[in-house]
Structure formats: structure tokens, C-alpha cells
């Protein structure tokens, strides 16, 4: 009976306090996560709710910074809750200093990669290498082909992006060796138009300039273009064809849409002007006729 009475007294006293600490920490962590979500949603709404077609660099940085701060606060809340629970349970925290030191040394050797990930994530955020909504190509150590997609989440340890196929790719920050940001400040759409060597190149340049001027005057395309597309001239030359290059400065991340639109305009303009695109230089396997037509229409990059 004495043991049962002691247990009930402990449950009514310190046991209840431990339960309240655990419940309070969980509720506080969820509240922090909810506030962080509301802040990021507001940042996204302000960045895309007006006439802006893409997020500004400041908005992307604020979004990433909010995600990191939210994650850090949640970890800190749970860490403090653990210390309070140990204290209320009667476990002397001071006595854990020596074992914690030994454990910390062991974890230090075993968790060097995690520490490296956190440090790399810190510099990614502070240096604004990329942020939420950026289109990037990331090369990791021993990862083969670069991972390309749109950034969805940046924490101190990992970067998550969604590929064009809809796959979510998670990359440890410490393993990243190269980042190509395709949506920083401005982008460039590059279109190489192949024409037979017998074609009048001056006439091709005139047609491409007309296409660029028409695209810049188009009310649908004008907001995506920073200036009229320009014709760079002959880029490459071989025995059967030459490639004439056309470039256009666009809003960040809009170079792909602009490039597709300009290629379609070029095909129509060439047909009207009586100019022909060369046939594919390699044989096309049976069943790939549609793909061959797409290549002939788009030209080569």
C-alpha cells in the first residue's frame, strides 16, 4: 500500500507535470509550425498575387529563411522539453555531463557528415545561393547526372526539389558540389535554327528579326521578355547546314516557355517565307515519326 500510495502521489505531482510538459511542447511545436506555414503562404501570396510572374529574390530568401527558423525552433522546443522532463523525473542533469561528453565525442566522429550538412545548409541560406521556387540543377558527390527541378524545401540539413517528372529529390547539403541556378535575376532562351547551306543567310536573319519583333509586340509574350529577341547570326557551320542563333532575355524560369513559343513562330514564319528546315541528319527508327517531326520543327540546341 505504501508503494501504491507513493506512486499515486508521484503521478499526481511530478508525473502530471511531465505529462503537461510533453503535451505543452507538442502543442507549442505545432503552433510554431502553423505560424511558419502561415508566414510562408503570405510571402508566396504577396510574391505572386500581383502583376509579378515570378517570385522576387527577396521573397524566395524570406521563404527559405522562414522554413529554416521554423525547423530550428521546433528542434529547440523538443530539446528543452527533454531537459525539463529529466529534471521533473528526478534524474540529475549535472550527472549526465560526463556521459554526455563521451557520447558527444563518439557522435562527433560518427556524425561528421550531418555536421557538414548543417554547416553547408547555413551557408546556402546566408549566401542566398538558391531559395524556394528556384529552378536549379544540382550536382552531388558521386551522384552521376545532376538533379534538376524546382526547389520546394530548404533546411539546414537537406534540400528538396521536385523534378519535371514530378519526383521529389532529397539532397544532403554537405554533398552538394555544384549548383546551377536557372532562375536567378533573369534567364536567356537560346534557339539554334538549322538551315541548309544553300539558303540565303541574310534572308534567314531578316525573318528571325521579324519573328522577334512580333513576339515582343505580342501582349501575351511581352510580359515575359525583358527586351526584344536578337539574332546572333551563324553559330556553327558544316557541309550540309548552318545553325543561326537567336537569343531572348526573359524573366527567371520563363526561358523554356519563351523558347517553345519562339520555335513555333519560327516554323510558321519559315513556311510563309518559303524557307525549309533540313531533314534529320540521322536515320529515324520506325515508330518515331512524330518525334522526328518535333526535332525538325524545333531545331537543334
Protein backbone atom coordinates (compact mmCIF):
# COMPACT_ATOMS: atom_id res chain seq x y z
CA UNK A 1 0.00 0.00 0.00
CA UNK A 2 2.84 2.38 0.78
CA UNK A 3 4.33 1.78 -2.67
CA UNK A 4 0.97 2.33 -4.36
CA UNK A 5 0.39 5.49 -2.35
CA UNK A 6 3.84 6.76 -3.28
CA UNK A 7 3.21 6.01 -6.96
CA UNK A 8 -0.14 7.78 -6.91
CA UNK A 9 1.41 10.78 -5.18
CA UNK A 10 4.18 10.85 -7.80
CA UNK A 11 1.67 10.60 -10.65
CA UNK A 12 -0.43 13.37 -9.14
CA UNK A 13 2.63 15.54 -8.70
CA UNK A 14 5.69 15.14 -10.89
CA UNK A 15 4.02 12.64 -13.22
CA UNK A 16 1.30 15.14 -14.05
CA UNK A 17 3.93 17.83 -14.59
CA UNK A 18 5.82 15.57 -17.03
CA UNK A 19 2.62 14.85 -18.96
CA UNK A 20 1.81 18.56 -19.10
CA UNK A 21 5.35 19.36 -20.29
CA UNK A 22 5.10 16.78 -23.09
CA UNK A 23 1.65 17.96 -24.17
CA UNK A 24 2.71 21.60 -23.97
CA UNK A 25 5.84 21.02 -26.06
CA UNK A 26 3.86 19.16 -28.73
CA UNK A 27 1.22 21.90 -28.87
CA UNK A 28 3.86 24.64 -28.95
CA UNK A 29 5.78 22.88 -31.74
CA UNK A 30 2.59 22.52 -33.77
CA UNK A 31 1.77 26.18 -33.17
CA UNK A 32 5.23 27.20 -34.41
CA UNK A 33 4.78 25.01 -37.49
CA UNK A 34 1.35 26.55 -38.12
CA UNK A 35 2.71 30.09 -37.78
CA UNK A 36 5.60 29.25 -40.12
CA UNK A 37 3.16 27.85 -42.69
CA UNK A 38 1.00 30.98 -42.49
CA UNK A 39 4.05 33.22 -42.95
CA UNK A 40 5.31 31.29 -45.97
CA UNK A 41 1.82 31.26 -47.51
CA UNK A 42 1.62 35.03 -47.06
CA UNK A 43 5.06 35.51 -48.61
CA UNK A 44 4.02 33.41 -51.61
CA UNK A 45 0.72 35.27 -51.96
CA UNK A 46 2.45 38.66 -51.90
CA UNK A 47 5.10 37.47 -54.37
CA UNK A 48 2.68 36.04 -56.95
CA UNK A 49 -0.61 37.79 -56.23
CA UNK A 50 0.08 40.95 -58.19
CA UNK A 51 1.49 41.55 -61.64
CA UNK A 52 4.75 39.72 -60.86
CA UNK A 53 5.02 36.49 -62.82
CA UNK A 54 7.83 35.10 -60.73
CA UNK A 55 8.94 35.40 -57.14
CA UNK A 56 11.50 38.07 -56.35
CA UNK A 57 14.86 37.05 -54.94
CA UNK A 58 13.94 38.66 -51.61
CA UNK A 59 10.68 36.69 -51.42
CA UNK A 60 12.46 33.41 -52.14
CA UNK A 61 15.06 34.16 -49.47
CA UNK A 62 12.39 35.09 -46.89
CA UNK A 63 10.52 31.86 -47.64
CA UNK A 64 13.64 29.70 -47.19
CA UNK A 65 14.68 31.60 -44.06
CA UNK A 66 11.21 31.13 -42.53
CA UNK A 67 11.38 27.39 -43.18
CA UNK A 68 14.81 27.13 -41.53
CA UNK A 69 13.78 29.20 -38.49
CA UNK A 70 10.62 27.13 -38.06
CA UNK A 71 12.59 23.88 -38.17
CA UNK A 72 15.18 25.23 -35.71
CA UNK A 73 12.56 26.43 -33.22
CA UNK A 74 10.77 23.07 -33.28
CA UNK A 75 14.03 21.22 -32.57
CA UNK A 76 14.84 23.69 -29.77
CA UNK A 77 11.38 23.25 -28.19
CA UNK A 78 11.70 19.48 -28.06
CA UNK A 79 15.28 19.68 -26.73
CA UNK A 80 14.21 21.98 -23.86
CA UNK A 81 11.22 19.74 -23.16
CA UNK A 82 13.55 16.73 -22.77
CA UNK A 83 15.64 18.59 -20.16
CA UNK A 84 12.53 19.62 -18.23
CA UNK A 85 11.20 16.05 -18.28
CA UNK A 86 14.52 14.70 -16.99
CA UNK A 87 14.55 17.29 -14.22
CA UNK A 88 10.97 16.56 -13.13
CA UNK A 89 11.67 12.82 -13.27
CA UNK A 90 14.40 13.32 -10.67
CA UNK A 91 17.29 12.50 -12.95
CA UNK A 92 20.16 14.89 -12.11
CA UNK A 93 21.16 16.70 -15.27
CA UNK A 94 24.56 17.58 -13.82
CA UNK A 95 25.36 13.91 -13.52
CA UNK A 96 24.77 13.46 -17.22
CA UNK A 97 27.52 15.90 -18.19
CA UNK A 98 30.33 13.32 -18.21
CA UNK A 99 28.38 10.61 -20.11
CA UNK A 100 27.07 13.27 -22.49
CA UNK A 101 30.63 14.41 -23.16
CA UNK A 102 31.72 10.89 -24.03
CA UNK A 103 28.60 10.37 -26.12
CA UNK A 104 29.17 13.72 -27.84
CA UNK A 105 32.72 12.77 -28.78
CA UNK A 106 31.50 9.47 -30.20
CA UNK A 107 28.71 11.12 -32.12
CA UNK A 108 31.15 13.77 -33.33
CA UNK A 109 33.18 11.13 -35.13
CA UNK A 110 30.11 9.28 -36.36
CA UNK A 111 28.06 12.30 -37.32
CA UNK A 112 30.64 14.36 -39.19
CA UNK A 113 28.54 14.18 -42.33
CA UNK A 114 25.48 15.55 -40.50
CA UNK A 115 27.53 18.43 -39.11
CA UNK A 116 28.86 19.11 -42.60
CA UNK A 117 25.30 19.09 -43.97
CA UNK A 118 24.17 21.62 -41.36
CA UNK A 119 27.12 23.95 -41.98
CA UNK A 120 26.61 23.75 -45.75
CA UNK A 121 22.91 24.49 -45.31
CA UNK A 122 23.76 27.53 -43.17
CA UNK A 123 25.93 29.00 -45.93
CA UNK A 124 23.35 28.14 -48.63
CA UNK A 125 20.76 30.20 -46.74
CA UNK A 126 23.00 33.11 -45.75
CA UNK A 127 24.64 33.41 -49.18
CA UNK A 128 21.28 33.12 -50.98
CA UNK A 129 22.60 30.52 -53.41
CA UNK A 130 19.02 29.42 -54.10
CA UNK A 131 15.64 29.52 -52.42
CA UNK A 132 12.09 28.26 -52.55
CA UNK A 133 10.73 28.28 -56.11
CA UNK A 134 14.11 28.46 -57.86
CA UNK A 135 14.72 26.20 -60.84
CA UNK A 136 18.13 24.64 -60.27
CA UNK A 137 20.47 21.90 -61.45
CA UNK A 138 22.40 20.40 -58.52
CA UNK A 139 25.43 18.13 -58.77
CA UNK A 140 26.26 15.99 -55.72
CA UNK A 141 29.33 13.95 -54.83
CA UNK A 142 29.20 10.64 -56.69
CA UNK A 143 25.62 11.34 -57.79
CA UNK A 144 26.03 10.87 -61.53
CA UNK A 145 23.75 13.15 -63.53
CA UNK A 146 22.73 16.44 -61.89
CA UNK A 147 19.34 16.66 -60.19
CA UNK A 148 17.21 19.28 -61.95
CA UNK A 149 13.93 20.67 -60.72
CA UNK A 150 12.12 23.29 -58.64
CA UNK A 151 13.15 23.89 -55.02
CA UNK A 152 10.33 23.01 -52.62
CA UNK A 153 12.10 22.98 -49.25
CA UNK A 154 15.46 24.11 -47.87
CA UNK A 155 16.53 23.20 -44.33
CA UNK A 156 19.90 23.31 -42.64
CA UNK A 157 20.45 19.62 -43.45
CA UNK A 158 18.74 18.82 -46.75
CA UNK A 159 17.41 20.40 -49.93
CA UNK A 160 14.26 19.02 -51.53
CA UNK A 161 13.35 19.68 -55.13
CA UNK A 162 10.68 18.38 -57.50
CA UNK A 163 11.86 17.14 -60.88
CA UNK A 164 9.99 17.89 -64.15
CA UNK A 165 8.56 14.34 -63.90
CA UNK A 166 7.01 15.12 -60.52
CA UNK A 167 9.56 13.19 -58.45
CA UNK A 168 10.73 14.62 -55.12
CA UNK A 169 14.53 14.51 -54.81
CA UNK A 170 16.18 14.96 -51.38
CA UNK A 171 19.82 16.03 -51.36
CA UNK A 172 22.10 16.36 -48.28
CA UNK A 173 23.50 19.89 -48.29
CA UNK A 174 27.01 18.69 -47.45
CA UNK A 175 27.16 16.54 -50.58
CA UNK A 176 26.37 19.39 -52.99
CA UNK A 177 29.40 20.36 -55.07
CA UNK A 178 27.83 22.46 -57.84
CA UNK A 179 24.59 24.44 -58.21
CA UNK A 180 23.36 25.96 -61.46
CA UNK A 181 20.53 28.41 -60.70
CA UNK A 182 18.33 28.71 -63.79
CA UNK A 183 16.02 31.35 -62.33
CA UNK A 184 18.24 33.99 -60.77
CA UNK A 185 17.53 37.64 -61.72
CA UNK A 186 16.98 36.86 -65.43
CA UNK A 187 17.30 33.98 -67.86
CA UNK A 188 18.05 33.54 -71.56
CA UNK A 189 16.23 31.48 -74.16
CA UNK A 190 18.65 30.24 -76.84
CA UNK A 191 17.24 28.95 -80.13
CA UNK A 192 19.55 27.46 -82.76
CA UNK A 193 17.79 27.29 -86.13
CA UNK A 194 19.32 24.83 -88.64
CA UNK A 195 19.11 25.84 -92.32
CA UNK A 196 20.66 24.25 -95.43
CA UNK A 197 23.92 25.78 -96.57
CA UNK A 198 22.24 26.75 -99.87
CA UNK A 199 19.85 29.09 -98.02
CA UNK A 200 20.36 32.86 -98.07
CA UNK A 201 21.53 33.53 -94.52
CA UNK A 202 20.71 37.23 -94.77
CA UNK A 203 17.11 36.34 -95.58
CA UNK A 204 17.02 33.96 -92.60
CA UNK A 205 18.28 36.73 -90.32
CA UNK A 206 15.56 39.07 -91.58
CA UNK A 207 12.84 36.50 -90.91
CA UNK A 208 14.17 35.81 -87.41
CA UNK A 209 14.28 39.54 -86.61
CA UNK A 210 10.67 39.85 -87.73
CA UNK A 211 9.73 36.91 -85.52
CA UNK A 212 11.46 38.54 -82.53
CA UNK A 213 9.77 41.89 -83.14
CA UNK A 214 6.35 40.25 -83.45
CA UNK A 215 6.89 38.29 -80.23
CA UNK A 216 7.92 41.44 -78.37
CA UNK A 217 4.77 43.21 -79.57
CA UNK A 218 2.55 40.29 -78.57
CA UNK A 219 0.55 41.16 -75.44
CA UNK A 220 0.87 37.57 -74.19
CA UNK A 221 4.64 37.35 -74.70
CA UNK A 222 5.63 40.91 -73.86
CA UNK A 223 5.47 40.46 -70.03
CA UNK A 224 7.88 37.51 -70.27
CA UNK A 225 10.54 39.30 -72.34
CA UNK A 226 12.96 41.83 -70.88
CA UNK A 227 13.95 43.16 -74.32
CA UNK A 228 13.33 42.24 -77.99
CA UNK A 229 14.90 38.91 -79.04
CA UNK A 230 18.10 39.39 -81.01
CA UNK A 231 19.69 37.40 -83.83
CA UNK A 232 23.32 36.49 -83.17
CA UNK A 233 23.97 35.15 -86.68
CA UNK A 234 25.65 31.94 -87.79
CA UNK A 235 26.77 29.92 -84.80
CA UNK A 236 28.04 26.69 -86.40
CA UNK A 237 28.82 25.59 -89.93
CA UNK A 238 29.17 22.15 -91.53
CA UNK A 239 28.89 20.64 -95.02
CA UNK A 240 25.09 20.34 -95.10
CA UNK A 241 23.69 23.01 -92.82
CA UNK A 242 24.40 26.07 -90.72
CA UNK A 243 22.92 26.98 -87.35
CA UNK A 244 21.67 30.53 -86.91
CA UNK A 245 21.30 31.51 -83.26
CA UNK A 246 18.55 33.66 -81.78
CA UNK A 247 18.55 34.67 -78.09
CA UNK A 248 15.99 36.34 -75.84
CA UNK A 249 16.35 37.65 -72.29
CA UNK A 250 13.39 36.54 -70.18
CA UNK A 251 12.07 36.59 -66.66
CA UNK A 252 13.64 33.96 -64.38
CA UNK A 253 12.34 30.48 -65.11
CA UNK A 254 10.39 31.59 -68.19
CA UNK A 255 13.11 30.78 -70.75
CA UNK A 256 11.55 27.40 -71.52
CA UNK A 257 8.09 28.85 -72.29
CA UNK A 258 9.61 31.63 -74.39
CA UNK A 259 11.84 29.18 -76.26
CA UNK A 260 8.92 26.91 -77.18
CA UNK A 261 6.83 29.85 -78.36
CA UNK A 262 9.65 31.31 -80.46
CA UNK A 263 10.35 27.95 -82.12
CA UNK A 264 6.70 27.61 -83.11
CA UNK A 265 6.73 31.15 -84.52
CA UNK A 266 9.93 30.44 -86.46
CA UNK A 267 8.45 27.32 -88.09
CA UNK A 268 5.37 29.26 -89.24
CA UNK A 269 7.46 32.20 -90.44
CA UNK A 270 9.76 29.90 -92.44
CA UNK A 271 6.78 28.26 -94.13
CA UNK A 272 5.35 31.65 -95.10
CA UNK A 273 8.73 32.83 -96.40
CA UNK A 274 9.30 29.64 -98.41
CA UNK A 275 12.31 28.62 -96.33
CA UNK A 276 12.89 24.98 -95.49
CA UNK A 277 14.41 23.31 -92.46
CA UNK A 278 16.88 20.49 -93.21
CA UNK A 279 15.80 16.88 -92.63
CA UNK A 280 17.19 14.93 -89.66
CA UNK A 281 20.84 14.01 -90.15
CA UNK A 282 20.45 10.54 -88.57
CA UNK A 283 18.04 7.74 -89.56
CA UNK A 284 14.83 7.65 -87.56
CA UNK A 285 13.67 4.26 -86.19
CA UNK A 286 10.25 3.00 -87.18
CA UNK A 287 7.52 4.36 -84.93
CA UNK A 288 9.36 7.59 -84.07
CA UNK A 289 7.99 9.69 -86.91
CA UNK A 290 6.27 12.10 -84.55
CA UNK A 291 9.49 12.61 -82.60
CA UNK A 292 11.38 13.25 -85.83
CA UNK A 293 8.84 15.89 -86.83
CA UNK A 294 9.24 17.57 -83.46
CA UNK A 295 13.03 17.66 -83.85
CA UNK A 296 12.78 19.09 -87.36
CA UNK A 297 10.35 21.75 -86.16
CA UNK A 298 12.23 22.72 -83.02
CA UNK A 299 15.72 22.78 -84.46
CA UNK A 300 18.81 21.88 -82.53
CA UNK A 301 20.13 23.48 -79.34
